[in-house]
Amino acid sequence: MRRDLAKTEHERVWQRFVLKFGDPAHTTRDGRRRRAAAEQGSKPFGKGRDPEGLGAVLDLAAANFGWTEELARGDVIGNWASLVGDGAAEHSVAQEVIDGELVVQCASTAWAQQLRMMHSDIIKKLTERFPESSVRRIKFNGPHQRSFKAGYRSVPGRGPRDTYG
């Protein structure tokens, strides 16, 4: 019984709003659009009813959510071998993109230097194939080595260089 009272009170409040402010189906843009669509009905072969391909739908969703740049950056990392070639890709790994800079980890300092010499060609291919990625620079890192700068028996000096390991 209590629900019936609340329901009737709700209906009375709604009727007061309609009398005071007007019917939302006539006064708001969304209400007018809904009313017009209800009057026209649904047309099975009407405008905008054609199916779209999955690729087009995903491209539209990526553009709407602002994912195109992140997806293009992922494509750069995933297609690193096609950018530099299979030989160089065996000795280097594209790791991440930070502030428009692609970070590449190389197996040795020799490979890092070789890829540094190919920098302009790689950037040219990258901007042609993945313009949305916004990658403008590439940083080639050599291998990580142990540090001999600290410890019980550390000795000041130059320490190991490229020939270590």
C-alpha atoms as a PDB file:
ATOM      1  CA  MET A   1       0.000   0.000   0.000  1.00  0.00           C
ATOM      2  CA  ARG A   2       2.880   2.304   0.718  1.00  0.00           C
ATOM      3  CA  ARG A   3       4.209   1.893  -2.825  1.00  0.00           C
ATOM      4  CA  ASP A   4       0.875   2.934  -4.278  1.00  0.00           C
ATOM      5  CA  LEU A   5       1.019   6.174  -2.318  1.00  0.00           C
ATOM      6  CA  ALA A   6       4.568   6.873  -3.435  1.00  0.00           C
ATOM      7  CA  LYS A   7       3.602   6.072  -7.017  1.00  0.00           C
ATOM      8  CA  THR A   8       0.650   8.410  -6.967  1.00  0.00           C
ATOM      9  CA  GLU A   9       2.744  11.115  -5.328  1.00  0.00           C
ATOM     10  CA  HIS A  10       5.342  10.625  -8.056  1.00  0.00           C
ATOM     11  CA  GLU A  11       2.696  10.973 -10.726  1.00  0.00           C
ATOM     12  CA  ARG A  12       1.328  14.121  -9.104  1.00  0.00           C
ATOM     13  CA  VAL A  13       4.811  15.676  -8.962  1.00  0.00           C
ATOM     14  CA  TRP A  14       5.365  14.801 -12.613  1.00  0.00           C
ATOM     15  CA  GLN A  15       2.066  16.401 -13.643  1.00  0.00           C
ATOM     16  CA  ARG A  16       2.995  19.586 -11.761  1.00  0.00           C
ATOM     17  CA  PHE A  17       6.345  19.715 -13.591  1.00  0.00           C
ATOM     18  CA  VAL A  18       4.634  19.232 -16.944  1.00  0.00           C
ATOM     19  CA  LEU A  19       2.160  22.024 -16.200  1.00  0.00           C
ATOM     20  CA  LYS A  20       4.854  24.355 -14.914  1.00  0.00           C
ATOM     21  CA  PHE A  21       7.697  23.732 -17.402  1.00  0.00           C
ATOM     22  CA  GLY A  22       5.979  22.057 -20.332  1.00  0.00           C
ATOM     23  CA  ASP A  23       6.237  18.546 -21.755  1.00  0.00           C
ATOM     24  CA  PRO A  24       9.926  17.561 -22.236  1.00  0.00           C
ATOM     25  CA  ALA A  25       8.980  15.875 -25.506  1.00  0.00           C
ATOM     26  CA  HIS A  26       8.160  19.346 -26.855  1.00  0.00           C
ATOM     27  CA  THR A  27      10.620  21.614 -25.034  1.00  0.00           C
ATOM     28  CA  THR A  28      14.022  19.873 -25.201  1.00  0.00           C
ATOM     29  CA  ARG A  29      16.027  19.135 -28.316  1.00  0.00           C
ATOM     30  CA  ASP A  30      16.498  15.505 -27.301  1.00  0.00           C
ATOM     31  CA  GLY A  31      12.780  15.131 -26.622  1.00  0.00           C
ATOM     32  CA  ARG A  32      11.868  16.602 -30.023  1.00  0.00           C
ATOM     33  CA  ARG A  33      14.325  14.239 -31.722  1.00  0.00           C
ATOM     34  CA  ARG A  34      12.908  11.200 -29.923  1.00  0.00           C
ATOM     35  CA  ARG A  35       9.352  12.207 -30.749  1.00  0.00           C
ATOM     36  CA  ALA A  36      10.214  12.682 -34.440  1.00  0.00           C
ATOM     37  CA  ALA A  37      11.950   9.298 -34.553  1.00  0.00           C
ATOM     38  CA  ALA A  38       8.964   7.626 -32.935  1.00  0.00           C
ATOM     39  CA  GLU A  39       6.602   9.220 -35.447  1.00  0.00           C
ATOM     40  CA  GLN A  40       8.713   8.151 -38.426  1.00  0.00           C
ATOM     41  CA  GLY A  41       9.297   4.635 -37.180  1.00  0.00           C
ATOM     42  CA  SER A  42      12.213   2.407 -38.055  1.00  0.00           C
ATOM     43  CA  LYS A  43      13.034   1.820 -41.713  1.00  0.00           C
ATOM     44  CA  PRO A  44      14.915  -1.409 -42.419  1.00  0.00           C
ATOM     45  CA  PHE A  45      16.812   0.052 -45.386  1.00  0.00           C
ATOM     46  CA  GLY A  46      16.981   3.635 -44.161  1.00  0.00           C
ATOM     47  CA  LYS A  47      19.946   5.940 -43.875  1.00  0.00           C
ATOM     48  CA  GLY A  48      22.693   4.753 -41.519  1.00  0.00           C
ATOM     49  CA  ARG A  49      21.498   1.144 -41.329  1.00  0.00           C
ATOM     50  CA  ASP A  50      24.188  -0.446 -43.527  1.00  0.00           C
ATOM     51  CA  PRO A  51      26.624  -2.733 -41.707  1.00  0.00           C
ATOM     52  CA  GLU A  52      30.214  -1.571 -41.417  1.00  0.00           C
ATOM     53  CA  GLY A  53      33.396  -3.588 -41.422  1.00  0.00           C
ATOM     54  CA  LEU A  54      35.084  -4.408 -38.149  1.00  0.00           C
ATOM     55  CA  GLY A  55      38.203  -2.451 -39.120  1.00  0.00           C
ATOM     56  CA  ALA A  56      36.183   0.704 -39.752  1.00  0.00           C
ATOM     57  CA  VAL A  57      34.379   0.343 -36.430  1.00  0.00           C
ATOM     58  CA  LEU A  58      37.645  -0.181 -34.530  1.00  0.00           C
ATOM     59  CA  ASP A  59      39.302   2.764 -36.292  1.00  0.00           C
ATOM     60  CA  LEU A  60      36.368   4.971 -35.350  1.00  0.00           C
ATOM     61  CA  ALA A  61      36.482   3.771 -31.729  1.00  0.00           C
ATOM     62  CA  ALA A  62      40.245   4.364 -31.540  1.00  0.00           C
ATOM     63  CA  ALA A  63      39.829   7.862 -32.939  1.00  0.00           C
ATOM     64  CA  ASN A  64      36.965   8.658 -30.551  1.00  0.00           C
ATOM     65  CA  PHE A  65      38.883   7.483 -27.483  1.00  0.00           C
ATOM     66  CA  GLY A  66      42.200   9.054 -28.568  1.00  0.00           C
ATOM     67  CA  TRP A  67      44.039   5.749 -28.934  1.00  0.00           C
ATOM     68  CA  THR A  68      45.483   6.270 -32.430  1.00  0.00           C
ATOM     69  CA  GLU A  69      48.834   7.586 -31.206  1.00  0.00           C
ATOM     70  CA  GLU A  70      49.292   4.792 -28.647  1.00  0.00           C
ATOM     71  CA  LEU A  71      48.319   2.148 -31.212  1.00  0.00           C
ATOM     72  CA  ALA A  72      50.762   3.599 -33.734  1.00  0.00           C
ATOM     73  CA  ARG A  73      53.522   3.513 -31.100  1.00  0.00           C
ATOM     74  CA  GLY A  74      52.721  -0.136 -30.462  1.00  0.00           C
ATOM     75  CA  ASP A  75      52.940  -0.773 -34.214  1.00  0.00           C
ATOM     76  CA  VAL A  76      56.408   0.809 -34.276  1.00  0.00           C
ATOM     77  CA  ILE A  77      57.628  -1.488 -31.507  1.00  0.00           C
ATOM     78  CA  GLY A  78      55.938  -4.535 -33.040  1.00  0.00           C
ATOM     79  CA  ASN A  79      57.331  -3.866 -36.524  1.00  0.00           C
ATOM     80  CA  TRP A  80      60.880  -3.001 -35.475  1.00  0.00           C
ATOM     81  CA  ALA A  81      62.331  -5.819 -37.594  1.00  0.00           C
ATOM     82  CA  SER A  82      60.718  -4.460 -40.757  1.00  0.00           C
ATOM     83  CA  LEU A  83      62.115  -0.978 -40.051  1.00  0.00           C
ATOM     84  CA  VAL A  84      65.753  -1.962 -39.488  1.00  0.00           C
ATOM     85  CA  GLY A  85      66.002  -5.348 -41.177  1.00  0.00           C
ATOM     86  CA  ASP A  86      66.247  -8.845 -39.754  1.00  0.00           C
ATOM     87  CA  GLY A  87      70.010  -8.712 -39.077  1.00  0.00           C
ATOM     88  CA  ALA A  88      69.864  -5.574 -36.977  1.00  0.00           C
ATOM     89  CA  ALA A  89      66.630  -6.674 -35.304  1.00  0.00           C
ATOM     90  CA  GLU A  90      68.371  -9.816 -33.997  1.00  0.00           C
ATOM     91  CA  HIS A  91      70.762  -7.588 -32.026  1.00  0.00           C
ATOM     92  CA  SER A  92      68.356  -4.844 -30.929  1.00  0.00           C
ATOM     93  CA  VAL A  93      64.940  -4.543 -29.280  1.00  0.00           C
ATOM     94  CA  ALA A  94      62.627  -1.530 -29.417  1.00  0.00           C
ATOM     95  CA  GLN A  95      61.432  -1.137 -25.841  1.00  0.00           C
ATOM     96  CA  GLU A  96      59.203   1.917 -25.398  1.00  0.00           C
ATOM     97  CA  VAL A  97      58.355   5.425 -26.571  1.00  0.00           C
ATOM     98  CA  ILE A  98      58.837   8.229 -24.061  1.00  0.00           C
ATOM     99  CA  ASP A  99      57.975  11.820 -25.024  1.00  0.00           C
ATOM    100  CA  GLY A 100      58.444  11.193 -28.749  1.00  0.00           C
ATOM    101  CA  GLU A 101      61.705   9.260 -28.275  1.00  0.00           C
ATOM    102  CA  LEU A 102      61.951   5.562 -29.128  1.00  0.00           C
ATOM    103  CA  VAL A 103      64.245   3.700 -26.730  1.00  0.00           C
ATOM    104  CA  VAL A 104      66.128   0.783 -28.307  1.00  0.00           C
ATOM    105  CA  GLN A 105      68.237  -1.706 -26.323  1.00  0.00           C
ATOM    106  CA  CYS A 106      71.175  -3.092 -28.321  1.00  0.00           C
ATOM    107  CA  ALA A 107      73.160  -6.292 -27.720  1.00  0.00           C
ATOM    108  CA  SER A 108      76.537  -4.523 -27.904  1.00  0.00           C
ATOM    109  CA  THR A 109      77.944  -1.047 -28.251  1.00  0.00           C
ATOM    110  CA  ALA A 110      79.006  -1.926 -31.797  1.00  0.00           C
ATOM    111  CA  TRP A 111      75.388  -2.575 -32.766  1.00  0.00           C
ATOM    112  CA  ALA A 112      74.301   0.592 -30.986  1.00  0.00           C
ATOM    113  CA  GLN A 113      76.835   2.589 -33.012  1.00  0.00           C
ATOM    114  CA  GLN A 114      75.780   0.865 -36.243  1.00  0.00           C
ATOM    115  CA  LEU A 115      72.141   1.747 -35.600  1.00  0.00           C
ATOM    116  CA  ARG A 116      73.098   5.316 -34.691  1.00  0.00           C
ATOM    117  CA  MET A 117      74.635   5.623 -38.158  1.00  0.00           C
ATOM    118  CA  MET A 118      71.347   4.360 -39.643  1.00  0.00           C
ATOM    119  CA  HIS A 119      69.332   6.831 -37.539  1.00  0.00           C
ATOM    120  CA  SER A 120      68.182   9.122 -40.359  1.00  0.00           C
ATOM    121  CA  ASP A 121      67.098   6.217 -42.585  1.00  0.00           C
ATOM    122  CA  ILE A 122      65.172   4.613 -39.722  1.00  0.00           C
ATOM    123  CA  ILE A 123      63.444   7.898 -38.845  1.00  0.00           C
ATOM    124  CA  LYS A 124      62.505   8.405 -42.505  1.00  0.00           C
ATOM    125  CA  LYS A 125      60.933   4.931 -42.750  1.00  0.00           C
ATOM    126  CA  LEU A 126      59.255   5.370 -39.400  1.00  0.00           C
ATOM    127  CA  THR A 127      57.586   8.691 -40.284  1.00  0.00           C
ATOM    128  CA  GLU A 128      56.441   7.352 -43.656  1.00  0.00           C
ATOM    129  CA  ARG A 129      54.905   4.147 -42.276  1.00  0.00           C
ATOM    130  CA  PHE A 130      53.699   5.340 -38.853  1.00  0.00           C
ATOM    131  CA  PRO A 131      53.017   9.096 -39.018  1.00  0.00           C
ATOM    132  CA  GLU A 132      50.557   8.970 -36.084  1.00  0.00           C
ATOM    133  CA  SER A 133      53.199   7.592 -33.692  1.00  0.00           C
ATOM    134  CA  SER A 134      54.821  11.033 -33.160  1.00  0.00           C
ATOM    135  CA  VAL A 135      58.268   9.420 -32.791  1.00  0.00           C
ATOM    136  CA  ARG A 136      60.880  12.060 -33.704  1.00  0.00           C
ATOM    137  CA  ARG A 137      64.049  10.716 -32.061  1.00  0.00           C
ATOM    138  CA  ILE A 138      65.610   7.348 -31.341  1.00  0.00           C
ATOM    139  CA  LYS A 139      67.914   6.561 -28.413  1.00  0.00           C
ATOM    140  CA  PHE A 140      70.143   3.514 -28.844  1.00  0.00           C
ATOM    141  CA  ASN A 141      71.372   2.065 -25.543  1.00  0.00           C
ATOM    142  CA  GLY A 142      74.293  -0.323 -25.299  1.00  0.00           C
ATOM    143  CA  PRO A 143      74.305  -3.392 -23.068  1.00  0.00           C
ATOM    144  CA  HIS A 144      73.949  -3.102 -19.327  1.00  0.00           C
ATOM    145  CA  GLN A 145      77.207  -3.886 -17.534  1.00  0.00           C
ATOM    146  CA  ARG A 146      77.990  -4.449 -13.927  1.00  0.00           C
ATOM    147  CA  SER A 147      79.318  -1.458 -12.066  1.00  0.00           C
ATOM    148  CA  PHE A 148      82.684  -1.716 -10.295  1.00  0.00           C
ATOM    149  CA  LYS A 149      82.369   1.750  -8.755  1.00  0.00           C
ATOM    150  CA  ALA A 150      81.191   0.537  -5.359  1.00  0.00           C
ATOM    151  CA  GLY A 151      82.068  -2.304  -3.065  1.00  0.00           C
ATOM    152  CA  TYR A 152      84.707  -3.571  -0.638  1.00  0.00           C
ATOM    153  CA  ARG A 153      87.510  -3.754  -3.169  1.00  0.00           C
ATOM    154  CA  SER A 154      86.661  -0.892  -5.520  1.00  0.00           C
ATOM    155  CA  VAL A 155      89.581   0.957  -7.008  1.00  0.00           C
ATOM    156  CA  PRO A 156      89.344   4.423  -8.515  1.00  0.00           C
ATOM    157  CA  GLY A 157      90.034   4.531 -12.217  1.00  0.00           C
ATOM    158  CA  ARG A 158      88.516   4.031 -15.628  1.00  0.00           C
ATOM    159  CA  GLY A 159      87.120   0.541 -15.072  1.00  0.00           C
ATOM    160  CA  PRO A 160      85.909  -1.811 -17.788  1.00  0.00           C
ATOM    161  CA  ARG A 161      85.116  -0.436 -21.230  1.00  0.00           C
ATOM    162  CA  ASP A 162      83.601  -1.862 -24.389  1.00  0.00           C
ATOM    163  CA  THR A 163      85.698  -5.014 -24.382  1.00  0.00           C
ATOM    164  CA  TYR A 164      84.366  -6.229 -21.034  1.00  0.00           C
ATOM    165  CA  GLY A 165      82.359  -9.463 -21.145  1.00  0.00           C
END
